[in-house]
Amino acid sequence: MAQSKVRKAAAEQPVAKKAAVKPRKPESHLAMVRRARRINRELAELYPYAHPELDFENPFQLLVATVLSAQTTDLRVNQTTPALFAKYPTPEDMAAANPEELEEVIRPTGFFRNKAKSLIGLSIALRDEFDGEVPGRLDDLVTLPGVGRKTANVVLGNAFGVPGITVDTHFGRLARRFGWTTEEDPVKVEAVVTEIFPKSEWTMLSHRVVFHGRRICHSRKPACGACPIAPLCPSYGEGETDPEKARKLLKYEMGGQPGQRLRPPADFPGEAAARADAEAHQGRVADLAVGA
């Protein structure tokens, strides 16, 4: 089984400090593309259930939740949106919202004044320019207040099935660590990555990379020693390489804890309650890989 081989290879990585990791030989563009696509395949086996971690039931809810997710966690947004959508279920309702009242509802997500301004502005635009419907074209979405390419790609990929690369902080960080690009600007990162992967993979690739960034390849201290794709990563050694210490750094279902959704999809392995331990998750991943 491919995943077992990757896990075995990761387990056999030497326990060493970053300084002891041997530098890789220069890599051709073709070799990088092949390695990048293999990483995507391995991530697909590791996270067969990868999905957006914002709770939503329709395009408008996803659009609003994505705007609210800036500079906060998806869990915080998911804790806030039930009351928000109960009070303002449609663009027409939110367009007519009292700014102070809306600010109070979304206060837990931070930057609530600017976010309230964006939500009212985009709701007015949806009401007046798009008949109260969220448009399914990127060129239209980015005209809405508070909506950039990242937010537009989230909505297009997950509400309309239109492929897109979502370059958030996690995706950008891992794209650089994986050696796919050296670009810092999200738009440039998106342009580079779209040339590496087929269009059909763009949306799911985004989910898989973000999942990996949140669970294993953290910003400050990646869990290199517990990473199944370590043999494919040119940045191996930037984080904790000791397997036992690295395992303690794992988050969400990988670390035996719940994910960020309060209403996860039926096929998500980590329900909303805390998991007994990470081994249960690994067993499900193995079963899914066998049945694939």
C-alpha atoms as a PDB file:
ATOM      1  CA  MET A   1       0.000   0.000   0.000  1.00  0.00           C
ATOM      2  CA  ALA A   2       1.445   3.342  -1.029  1.00  0.00           C
ATOM      3  CA  GLN A   3       0.599   5.054   2.223  1.00  0.00           C
ATOM      4  CA  SER A   4       2.272   2.333   4.280  1.00  0.00           C
ATOM      5  CA  LYS A   5       5.454   2.763   2.248  1.00  0.00           C
ATOM      6  CA  VAL A   6       5.418   6.500   2.812  1.00  0.00           C
ATOM      7  CA  ARG A   7       4.821   6.097   6.532  1.00  0.00           C
ATOM      8  CA  LYS A   8       7.612   3.528   6.763  1.00  0.00           C
ATOM      9  CA  ALA A   9       9.960   5.855   4.909  1.00  0.00           C
ATOM     10  CA  ALA A  10       9.035   8.714   7.223  1.00  0.00           C
ATOM     11  CA  ALA A  11       9.626   6.544  10.278  1.00  0.00           C
ATOM     12  CA  GLU A  12      13.073   5.635   9.003  1.00  0.00           C
ATOM     13  CA  GLN A  13      14.168   9.271   8.635  1.00  0.00           C
ATOM     14  CA  PRO A  14      17.232   9.926  10.804  1.00  0.00           C
ATOM     15  CA  VAL A  15      16.711  11.645  14.112  1.00  0.00           C
ATOM     16  CA  ALA A  16      18.902  14.677  13.577  1.00  0.00           C
ATOM     17  CA  LYS A  17      19.119  18.360  14.124  1.00  0.00           C
ATOM     18  CA  LYS A  18      18.465  20.722  11.257  1.00  0.00           C
ATOM     19  CA  ALA A  19      22.194  21.375  10.775  1.00  0.00           C
ATOM     20  CA  ALA A  20      22.817  17.660  10.215  1.00  0.00           C
ATOM     21  CA  VAL A  21      20.365  17.333   7.328  1.00  0.00           C
ATOM     22  CA  LYS A  22      22.245  16.901   4.082  1.00  0.00           C
ATOM     23  CA  PRO A  23      21.427  19.448   1.368  1.00  0.00           C
ATOM     24  CA  ARG A  24      19.619  18.096  -1.677  1.00  0.00           C
ATOM     25  CA  LYS A  25      21.108  18.127  -5.107  1.00  0.00           C
ATOM     26  CA  PRO A  26      19.852  20.788  -7.538  1.00  0.00           C
ATOM     27  CA  GLU A  27      16.489  19.784  -8.963  1.00  0.00           C
ATOM     28  CA  SER A  28      15.308  20.300 -12.519  1.00  0.00           C
ATOM     29  CA  HIS A  29      11.890  21.830 -13.143  1.00  0.00           C
ATOM     30  CA  LEU A  30      10.606  18.521 -14.488  1.00  0.00           C
ATOM     31  CA  ALA A  31      11.834  16.668 -11.402  1.00  0.00           C
ATOM     32  CA  MET A  32      10.155  19.259  -9.175  1.00  0.00           C
ATOM     33  CA  VAL A  33       6.849  18.860 -11.013  1.00  0.00           C
ATOM     34  CA  ARG A  34       7.000  15.094 -10.662  1.00  0.00           C
ATOM     35  CA  ARG A  35       7.814  15.373  -6.951  1.00  0.00           C
ATOM     36  CA  ALA A  36       5.041  17.938  -6.446  1.00  0.00           C
ATOM     37  CA  ARG A  37       2.468  15.666  -8.064  1.00  0.00           C
ATOM     38  CA  ARG A  38       3.644  12.755  -5.956  1.00  0.00           C
ATOM     39  CA  ILE A  39       3.215  14.905  -2.841  1.00  0.00           C
ATOM     40  CA  ASN A  40      -0.334  15.623  -3.948  1.00  0.00           C
ATOM     41  CA  ARG A  41      -1.027  11.907  -4.365  1.00  0.00           C
ATOM     42  CA  GLU A  42       0.380  11.120  -0.935  1.00  0.00           C
ATOM     43  CA  LEU A  43      -1.652  13.930   0.654  1.00  0.00           C
ATOM     44  CA  ALA A  44      -4.765  12.528  -1.052  1.00  0.00           C
ATOM     45  CA  GLU A  45      -4.157   9.221   0.720  1.00  0.00           C
ATOM     46  CA  LEU A  46      -3.407  10.907   4.030  1.00  0.00           C
ATOM     47  CA  TYR A  47      -6.458  13.201   3.876  1.00  0.00           C
ATOM     48  CA  PRO A  48      -9.087  11.429   1.732  1.00  0.00           C
ATOM     49  CA  TYR A  49     -11.737  13.461   3.561  1.00  0.00           C
ATOM     50  CA  ALA A  50     -10.127  16.913   3.009  1.00  0.00           C
ATOM     51  CA  HIS A  51     -12.807  19.583   2.734  1.00  0.00           C
ATOM     52  CA  PRO A  52     -13.455  23.243   3.594  1.00  0.00           C
ATOM     53  CA  GLU A  53     -13.461  23.613   7.365  1.00  0.00           C
ATOM     54  CA  LEU A  54     -16.072  26.351   7.425  1.00  0.00           C
ATOM     55  CA  ASP A  55     -19.670  25.312   8.137  1.00  0.00           C
ATOM     56  CA  PHE A  56     -22.037  26.442   5.370  1.00  0.00           C
ATOM     57  CA  GLU A  57     -25.248  25.413   3.634  1.00  0.00           C
ATOM     58  CA  ASN A  58     -25.292  27.654   0.558  1.00  0.00           C
ATOM     59  CA  PRO A  59     -22.994  29.963  -1.462  1.00  0.00           C
ATOM     60  CA  PHE A  60     -23.984  33.061   0.508  1.00  0.00           C
ATOM     61  CA  GLN A  61     -23.115  31.433   3.833  1.00  0.00           C
ATOM     62  CA  LEU A  62     -19.760  30.257   2.481  1.00  0.00           C
ATOM     63  CA  LEU A  63     -18.973  33.714   1.108  1.00  0.00           C
ATOM     64  CA  VAL A  64     -19.775  35.397   4.420  1.00  0.00           C
ATOM     65  CA  ALA A  65     -17.930  32.782   6.478  1.00  0.00           C
ATOM     66  CA  THR A  66     -14.828  33.103   4.307  1.00  0.00           C
ATOM     67  CA  VAL A  67     -14.779  36.886   4.711  1.00  0.00           C
ATOM     68  CA  LEU A  68     -15.097  36.420   8.481  1.00  0.00           C
ATOM     69  CA  SER A  69     -12.251  33.867   8.548  1.00  0.00           C
ATOM     70  CA  ALA A  70      -9.559  36.497   7.928  1.00  0.00           C
ATOM     71  CA  GLN A  71      -7.180  36.753  10.903  1.00  0.00           C
ATOM     72  CA  THR A  72      -9.066  34.175  12.974  1.00  0.00           C
ATOM     73  CA  THR A  73      -9.710  30.435  13.086  1.00  0.00           C
ATOM     74  CA  ASP A  74     -12.382  28.569  11.178  1.00  0.00           C
ATOM     75  CA  LEU A  75     -13.588  27.213  14.520  1.00  0.00           C
ATOM     76  CA  ARG A  76     -14.214  30.746  15.794  1.00  0.00           C
ATOM     77  CA  VAL A  77     -16.139  31.537  12.626  1.00  0.00           C
ATOM     78  CA  ASN A  78     -18.177  28.343  12.973  1.00  0.00           C
ATOM     79  CA  GLN A  79     -19.050  29.317  16.532  1.00  0.00           C
ATOM     80  CA  THR A  80     -20.239  32.720  15.321  1.00  0.00           C
ATOM     81  CA  THR A  81     -22.157  32.043  12.103  1.00  0.00           C
ATOM     82  CA  PRO A  82     -25.206  30.177  13.504  1.00  0.00           C
ATOM     83  CA  ALA A  83     -26.424  33.299  15.289  1.00  0.00           C
ATOM     84  CA  LEU A  84     -25.358  35.467  12.341  1.00  0.00           C
ATOM     85  CA  PHE A  85     -27.331  33.508   9.750  1.00  0.00           C
ATOM     86  CA  ALA A  86     -30.328  33.165  12.056  1.00  0.00           C
ATOM     87  CA  LYS A  87     -30.482  36.962  12.214  1.00  0.00           C
ATOM     88  CA  TYR A  88     -29.449  37.660   8.592  1.00  0.00           C
ATOM     89  CA  PRO A  89     -30.283  34.595   6.445  1.00  0.00           C
ATOM     90  CA  THR A  90     -30.182  36.339   3.050  1.00  0.00           C
ATOM     91  CA  PRO A  91     -28.195  39.070   1.282  1.00  0.00           C
ATOM     92  CA  GLU A  92     -31.282  41.286   1.473  1.00  0.00           C
ATOM     93  CA  ASP A  93     -31.408  40.871   5.264  1.00  0.00           C
ATOM     94  CA  MET A  94     -27.715  41.582   5.712  1.00  0.00           C
ATOM     95  CA  ALA A  95     -27.811  44.554   3.333  1.00  0.00           C
ATOM     96  CA  ALA A  96     -30.392  46.166   5.603  1.00  0.00           C
ATOM     97  CA  ALA A  97     -28.515  45.355   8.828  1.00  0.00           C
ATOM     98  CA  ASN A  98     -27.816  47.967  11.443  1.00  0.00           C
ATOM     99  CA  PRO A  99     -23.994  48.210  11.421  1.00  0.00           C
ATOM    100  CA  GLU A 100     -23.681  48.301  15.202  1.00  0.00           C
ATOM    101  CA  GLU A 101     -25.892  45.254  15.629  1.00  0.00           C
ATOM    102  CA  LEU A 102     -24.006  43.313  12.970  1.00  0.00           C
ATOM    103  CA  GLU A 103     -20.688  44.280  14.542  1.00  0.00           C
ATOM    104  CA  GLU A 104     -21.832  42.917  17.885  1.00  0.00           C
ATOM    105  CA  VAL A 105     -22.776  39.542  16.377  1.00  0.00           C
ATOM    106  CA  ILE A 106     -19.438  39.083  14.585  1.00  0.00           C
ATOM    107  CA  ARG A 107     -17.269  40.676  17.289  1.00  0.00           C
ATOM    108  CA  PRO A 108     -15.705  37.304  18.323  1.00  0.00           C
ATOM    109  CA  THR A 109     -14.054  36.978  14.891  1.00  0.00           C
ATOM    110  CA  GLY A 110     -11.970  40.133  15.354  1.00  0.00           C
ATOM    111  CA  PHE A 111     -11.667  43.208  13.120  1.00  0.00           C
ATOM    112  CA  PHE A 112     -15.443  43.285  13.380  1.00  0.00           C
ATOM    113  CA  ARG A 113     -15.932  46.869  12.187  1.00  0.00           C
ATOM    114  CA  ASN A 114     -14.124  46.336   8.896  1.00  0.00           C
ATOM    115  CA  LYS A 115     -15.737  42.932   8.443  1.00  0.00           C
ATOM    116  CA  ALA A 116     -19.196  44.343   9.105  1.00  0.00           C
ATOM    117  CA  LYS A 117     -18.571  47.044   6.517  1.00  0.00           C
ATOM    118  CA  SER A 118     -17.515  44.409   3.973  1.00  0.00           C
ATOM    119  CA  LEU A 119     -20.481  42.145   4.731  1.00  0.00           C
ATOM    120  CA  ILE A 120     -23.006  44.941   4.361  1.00  0.00           C
ATOM    121  CA  GLY A 121     -21.255  46.189   1.220  1.00  0.00           C
ATOM    122  CA  LEU A 122     -21.126  42.801  -0.488  1.00  0.00           C
ATOM    123  CA  SER A 123     -24.722  42.088   0.519  1.00  0.00           C
ATOM    124  CA  ILE A 124     -25.880  45.367  -1.028  1.00  0.00           C
ATOM    125  CA  ALA A 125     -23.972  44.493  -4.197  1.00  0.00           C
ATOM    126  CA  LEU A 126     -25.537  41.025  -4.315  1.00  0.00           C
ATOM    127  CA  ARG A 127     -28.984  42.518  -3.817  1.00  0.00           C
ATOM    128  CA  ASP A 128     -28.656  45.349  -6.303  1.00  0.00           C
ATOM    129  CA  GLU A 129     -26.364  43.908  -8.981  1.00  0.00           C
ATOM    130  CA  PHE A 130     -26.835  40.117  -8.860  1.00  0.00           C
ATOM    131  CA  ASP A 131     -30.526  39.661  -7.961  1.00  0.00           C
ATOM    132  CA  GLY A 132     -29.628  38.478  -4.479  1.00  0.00           C
ATOM    133  CA  GLU A 133     -27.544  35.563  -5.761  1.00  0.00           C
ATOM    134  CA  VAL A 134     -23.831  34.884  -5.314  1.00  0.00           C
ATOM    135  CA  PRO A 135     -22.254  34.974  -8.792  1.00  0.00           C
ATOM    136  CA  GLY A 136     -20.351  31.944 -10.042  1.00  0.00           C
ATOM    137  CA  ARG A 137     -17.622  33.850 -11.901  1.00  0.00           C
ATOM    138  CA  LEU A 138     -14.323  35.010 -10.428  1.00  0.00           C
ATOM    139  CA  ASP A 139     -14.458  38.346 -12.282  1.00  0.00           C
ATOM    140  CA  ASP A 140     -17.807  39.082 -10.628  1.00  0.00           C
ATOM    141  CA  LEU A 141     -16.882  37.858  -7.162  1.00  0.00           C
ATOM    142  CA  VAL A 142     -13.778  40.026  -6.854  1.00  0.00           C
ATOM    143  CA  THR A 143     -15.894  43.137  -7.459  1.00  0.00           C
ATOM    144  CA  LEU A 144     -17.658  42.554  -4.139  1.00  0.00           C
ATOM    145  CA  PRO A 145     -16.395  44.510  -1.098  1.00  0.00           C
ATOM    146  CA  GLY A 146     -13.974  42.470   0.991  1.00  0.00           C
ATOM    147  CA  VAL A 147     -13.644  39.703  -1.593  1.00  0.00           C
ATOM    148  CA  GLY A 148     -10.238  38.948  -3.123  1.00  0.00           C
ATOM    149  CA  ARG A 149      -8.992  36.042  -5.224  1.00  0.00           C
ATOM    150  CA  LYS A 150      -8.558  33.751  -2.207  1.00  0.00           C
ATOM    151  CA  THR A 151     -12.132  34.195  -1.051  1.00  0.00           C
ATOM    152  CA  ALA A 152     -13.434  33.982  -4.612  1.00  0.00           C
ATOM    153  CA  ASN A 153     -11.602  30.693  -5.231  1.00  0.00           C
ATOM    154  CA  VAL A 154     -12.958  29.226  -1.985  1.00  0.00           C
ATOM    155  CA  VAL A 155     -16.517  30.034  -3.062  1.00  0.00           C
ATOM    156  CA  LEU A 156     -16.047  28.925  -6.662  1.00  0.00           C
ATOM    157  CA  GLY A 157     -14.408  25.634  -5.775  1.00  0.00           C
ATOM    158  CA  ASN A 158     -16.718  24.616  -2.947  1.00  0.00           C
ATOM    159  CA  ALA A 159     -20.071  26.160  -3.838  1.00  0.00           C
ATOM    160  CA  PHE A 160     -19.946  25.999  -7.633  1.00  0.00           C
ATOM    161  CA  GLY A 161     -17.460  23.247  -8.440  1.00  0.00           C
ATOM    162  CA  VAL A 162     -15.203  25.605 -10.394  1.00  0.00           C
ATOM    163  CA  PRO A 163     -11.522  24.571  -9.900  1.00  0.00           C
ATOM    164  CA  GLY A 164      -9.262  27.084  -8.200  1.00  0.00           C
ATOM    165  CA  ILE A 165      -6.151  27.348  -6.019  1.00  0.00           C
ATOM    166  CA  THR A 166      -6.810  28.927  -2.622  1.00  0.00           C
ATOM    167  CA  VAL A 167      -3.588  30.552  -1.431  1.00  0.00           C
ATOM    168  CA  ASP A 168      -4.006  31.277   2.257  1.00  0.00           C
ATOM    169  CA  THR A 169      -1.134  31.504   4.731  1.00  0.00           C
ATOM    170  CA  HIS A 170      -0.916  27.718   5.074  1.00  0.00           C
ATOM    171  CA  PHE A 171      -0.889  27.040   1.346  1.00  0.00           C
ATOM    172  CA  GLY A 172       1.717  29.702   0.650  1.00  0.00           C
ATOM    173  CA  ARG A 173       3.970  28.461   3.447  1.00  0.00           C
ATOM    174  CA  LEU A 174       3.859  24.835   2.292  1.00  0.00           C
ATOM    175  CA  ALA A 175       4.248  25.708  -1.396  1.00  0.00           C
ATOM    176  CA  ARG A 176       7.554  27.355  -0.478  1.00  0.00           C
ATOM    177  CA  ARG A 177       8.626  24.586   1.902  1.00  0.00           C
ATOM    178  CA  PHE A 178       7.868  21.968  -0.746  1.00  0.00           C
ATOM    179  CA  GLY A 179      10.040  23.895  -3.191  1.00  0.00           C
ATOM    180  CA  TRP A 180       7.217  24.576  -5.640  1.00  0.00           C
ATOM    181  CA  THR A 181       7.908  28.310  -5.629  1.00  0.00           C
ATOM    182  CA  THR A 182       9.874  31.027  -3.863  1.00  0.00           C
ATOM    183  CA  GLU A 183       7.175  33.645  -4.412  1.00  0.00           C
ATOM    184  CA  GLU A 184       5.637  35.413  -1.400  1.00  0.00           C
ATOM    185  CA  ASP A 185       2.773  37.183  -3.149  1.00  0.00           C
ATOM    186  CA  PRO A 186      -0.376  34.971  -3.095  1.00  0.00           C
ATOM    187  CA  VAL A 187      -1.339  35.862  -6.666  1.00  0.00           C
ATOM    188  CA  LYS A 188       2.106  34.866  -7.924  1.00  0.00           C
ATOM    189  CA  VAL A 189       2.041  31.658  -5.870  1.00  0.00           C
ATOM    190  CA  GLU A 190      -1.322  30.818  -7.425  1.00  0.00           C
ATOM    191  CA  ALA A 191       0.018  31.441 -10.926  1.00  0.00           C
ATOM    192  CA  VAL A 192       3.028  29.172 -10.366  1.00  0.00           C
ATOM    193  CA  VAL A 193       1.078  26.318  -8.777  1.00  0.00           C
ATOM    194  CA  THR A 194      -1.598  26.275 -11.477  1.00  0.00           C
ATOM    195  CA  GLU A 195       1.172  25.481 -13.956  1.00  0.00           C
ATOM    196  CA  ILE A 196       2.317  22.467 -11.922  1.00  0.00           C
ATOM    197  CA  PHE A 197      -0.988  20.653 -11.408  1.00  0.00           C
ATOM    198  CA  PRO A 198      -3.865  19.792 -13.741  1.00  0.00           C
ATOM    199  CA  LYS A 199      -6.902  22.029 -13.338  1.00  0.00           C
ATOM    200  CA  SER A 200      -9.048  19.145 -12.108  1.00  0.00           C
ATOM    201  CA  GLU A 201      -6.833  18.895  -9.000  1.00  0.00           C
ATOM    202  CA  TRP A 202      -6.765  22.553  -7.995  1.00  0.00           C
ATOM    203  CA  THR A 203      -9.606  22.637  -5.454  1.00  0.00           C
ATOM    204  CA  MET A 204      -8.779  19.375  -3.692  1.00  0.00           C
ATOM    205  CA  LEU A 205      -5.059  20.177  -3.743  1.00  0.00           C
ATOM    206  CA  SER A 206      -5.877  23.380  -1.864  1.00  0.00           C
ATOM    207  CA  HIS A 207      -7.787  21.463   0.808  1.00  0.00           C
ATOM    208  CA  ARG A 208      -5.083  18.822   1.199  1.00  0.00           C
ATOM    209  CA  VAL A 209      -2.250  21.316   1.533  1.00  0.00           C
ATOM    210  CA  VAL A 210      -4.185  23.467   4.020  1.00  0.00           C
ATOM    211  CA  PHE A 211      -5.115  20.366   6.035  1.00  0.00           C
ATOM    212  CA  HIS A 212      -1.448  19.353   6.160  1.00  0.00           C
ATOM    213  CA  GLY A 213      -0.369  22.851   7.171  1.00  0.00           C
ATOM    214  CA  ARG A 214      -2.839  22.945  10.035  1.00  0.00           C
ATOM    215  CA  ARG A 215      -2.204  19.430  11.304  1.00  0.00           C
ATOM    216  CA  ILE A 216       1.465  18.617  10.721  1.00  0.00           C
ATOM    217  CA  CYS A 217       3.492  21.251   8.836  1.00  0.00           C
ATOM    218  CA  HIS A 218       2.935  24.091  11.297  1.00  0.00           C
ATOM    219  CA  SER A 219       4.337  27.574  10.867  1.00  0.00           C
ATOM    220  CA  ARG A 220       6.634  27.833  13.866  1.00  0.00           C
ATOM    221  CA  LYS A 221       7.439  24.197  14.606  1.00  0.00           C
ATOM    222  CA  PRO A 222       6.530  21.670  11.915  1.00  0.00           C
ATOM    223  CA  ALA A 223       6.295  18.050  13.053  1.00  0.00           C
ATOM    224  CA  CYS A 224       8.893  16.752  10.584  1.00  0.00           C
ATOM    225  CA  GLY A 225       9.488  13.508  12.465  1.00  0.00           C
ATOM    226  CA  ALA A 226       5.804  12.551  12.225  1.00  0.00           C
ATOM    227  CA  CYS A 227       5.294  13.678   8.634  1.00  0.00           C
ATOM    228  CA  PRO A 228       4.464  10.889   6.135  1.00  0.00           C
ATOM    229  CA  ILE A 229       5.747  12.940   3.195  1.00  0.00           C
ATOM    230  CA  ALA A 230       9.060  13.878   4.813  1.00  0.00           C
ATOM    231  CA  PRO A 231      11.050  11.871   2.221  1.00  0.00           C
ATOM    232  CA  LEU A 232       9.612  14.143  -0.486  1.00  0.00           C
ATOM    233  CA  CYS A 233      10.167  17.428   1.327  1.00  0.00           C
ATOM    234  CA  PRO A 234      13.297  19.552   0.721  1.00  0.00           C
ATOM    235  CA  SER A 235      12.594  21.387   3.986  1.00  0.00           C
ATOM    236  CA  TYR A 236      12.754  18.300   6.197  1.00  0.00           C
ATOM    237  CA  GLY A 237      14.614  19.262   9.365  1.00  0.00           C
ATOM    238  CA  GLU A 238      13.160  22.753   9.778  1.00  0.00           C
ATOM    239  CA  GLY A 239      11.008  21.352  12.552  1.00  0.00           C
ATOM    240  CA  GLU A 240      11.158  18.616  15.198  1.00  0.00           C
ATOM    241  CA  THR A 241      12.678  15.453  13.702  1.00  0.00           C
ATOM    242  CA  ASP A 242      12.408  13.173  16.738  1.00  0.00           C
ATOM    243  CA  PRO A 243       9.342  10.975  16.017  1.00  0.00           C
ATOM    244  CA  GLU A 244       8.029  10.922  19.587  1.00  0.00           C
ATOM    245  CA  LYS A 245       8.454  14.644  20.135  1.00  0.00           C
ATOM    246  CA  ALA A 246       7.015  15.393  16.697  1.00  0.00           C
ATOM    247  CA  ARG A 247       3.954  13.257  17.378  1.00  0.00           C
ATOM    248  CA  LYS A 248       3.095  15.482  20.331  1.00  0.00           C
ATOM    249  CA  LEU A 249       2.923  18.464  17.963  1.00  0.00           C
ATOM    250  CA  LEU A 250       0.168  16.969  15.811  1.00  0.00           C
ATOM    251  CA  LYS A 251      -3.129  18.833  15.825  1.00  0.00           C
ATOM    252  CA  TYR A 252      -6.815  18.137  15.280  1.00  0.00           C
ATOM    253  CA  GLU A 253      -7.718  14.553  14.393  1.00  0.00           C
ATOM    254  CA  MET A 254      -4.030  13.687  13.871  1.00  0.00           C
ATOM    255  CA  GLY A 255      -3.470  14.512  17.527  1.00  0.00           C
ATOM    256  CA  GLY A 256      -6.660  12.906  18.755  1.00  0.00           C
ATOM    257  CA  GLN A 257      -8.616  16.173  18.943  1.00  0.00           C
ATOM    258  CA  PRO A 258     -11.631  17.475  16.988  1.00  0.00           C
ATOM    259  CA  GLY A 259     -11.280  19.558  13.855  1.00  0.00           C
ATOM    260  CA  GLN A 260     -12.625  23.060  13.333  1.00  0.00           C
ATOM    261  CA  ARG A 261     -16.088  22.233  12.039  1.00  0.00           C
ATOM    262  CA  LEU A 262     -19.017  22.094  14.419  1.00  0.00           C
ATOM    263  CA  ARG A 263     -21.187  20.442  11.756  1.00  0.00           C
ATOM    264  CA  PRO A 264     -18.740  18.219   9.847  1.00  0.00           C
ATOM    265  CA  PRO A 265     -19.852  16.228   6.799  1.00  0.00           C
ATOM    266  CA  ALA A 266     -21.083  12.693   7.428  1.00  0.00           C
ATOM    267  CA  ASP A 267     -17.905  11.115   6.037  1.00  0.00           C
ATOM    268  CA  PHE A 268     -15.527  13.210   8.126  1.00  0.00           C
ATOM    269  CA  PRO A 269     -13.619  10.864  10.477  1.00  0.00           C
ATOM    270  CA  GLY A 270     -13.438  13.174  13.475  1.00  0.00           C
ATOM    271  CA  GLU A 271     -17.051  14.013  14.453  1.00  0.00           C
ATOM    272  CA  ALA A 272     -17.364  17.196  16.538  1.00  0.00           C
ATOM    273  CA  ALA A 273     -16.351  15.417  19.748  1.00  0.00           C
ATOM    274  CA  ALA A 274     -12.773  14.752  20.804  1.00  0.00           C
ATOM    275  CA  ARG A 275     -11.343  11.561  19.373  1.00  0.00           C
ATOM    276  CA  ALA A 276     -10.112   8.806  21.671  1.00  0.00           C
ATOM    277  CA  ASP A 277      -6.675   8.936  20.103  1.00  0.00           C
ATOM    278  CA  ALA A 278      -4.895   9.429  16.796  1.00  0.00           C
ATOM    279  CA  GLU A 279      -4.633   5.687  16.181  1.00  0.00           C
ATOM    280  CA  ALA A 280      -8.358   5.460  15.447  1.00  0.00           C
ATOM    281  CA  HIS A 281      -7.939   8.084  12.741  1.00  0.00           C
ATOM    282  CA  GLN A 282      -4.969   6.314  11.203  1.00  0.00           C
ATOM    283  CA  GLY A 283      -6.963   3.091  11.068  1.00  0.00           C
ATOM    284  CA  ARG A 284      -9.757   4.775   9.131  1.00  0.00           C
ATOM    285  CA  VAL A 285      -7.307   6.363   6.699  1.00  0.00           C
ATOM    286  CA  ALA A 286      -5.763   2.933   6.090  1.00  0.00           C
ATOM    287  CA  ASP A 287      -9.193   1.397   5.438  1.00  0.00           C
ATOM    288  CA  LEU A 288     -10.091   4.148   2.993  1.00  0.00           C
ATOM    289  CA  ALA A 289      -6.793   3.736   1.167  1.00  0.00           C
ATOM    290  CA  VAL A 290      -7.375  -0.020   0.808  1.00  0.00           C
ATOM    291  CA  GLY A 291     -10.863   0.525  -0.565  1.00  0.00           C
ATOM    292  CA  ALA A 292      -9.785   3.245  -3.026  1.00  0.00           C
END
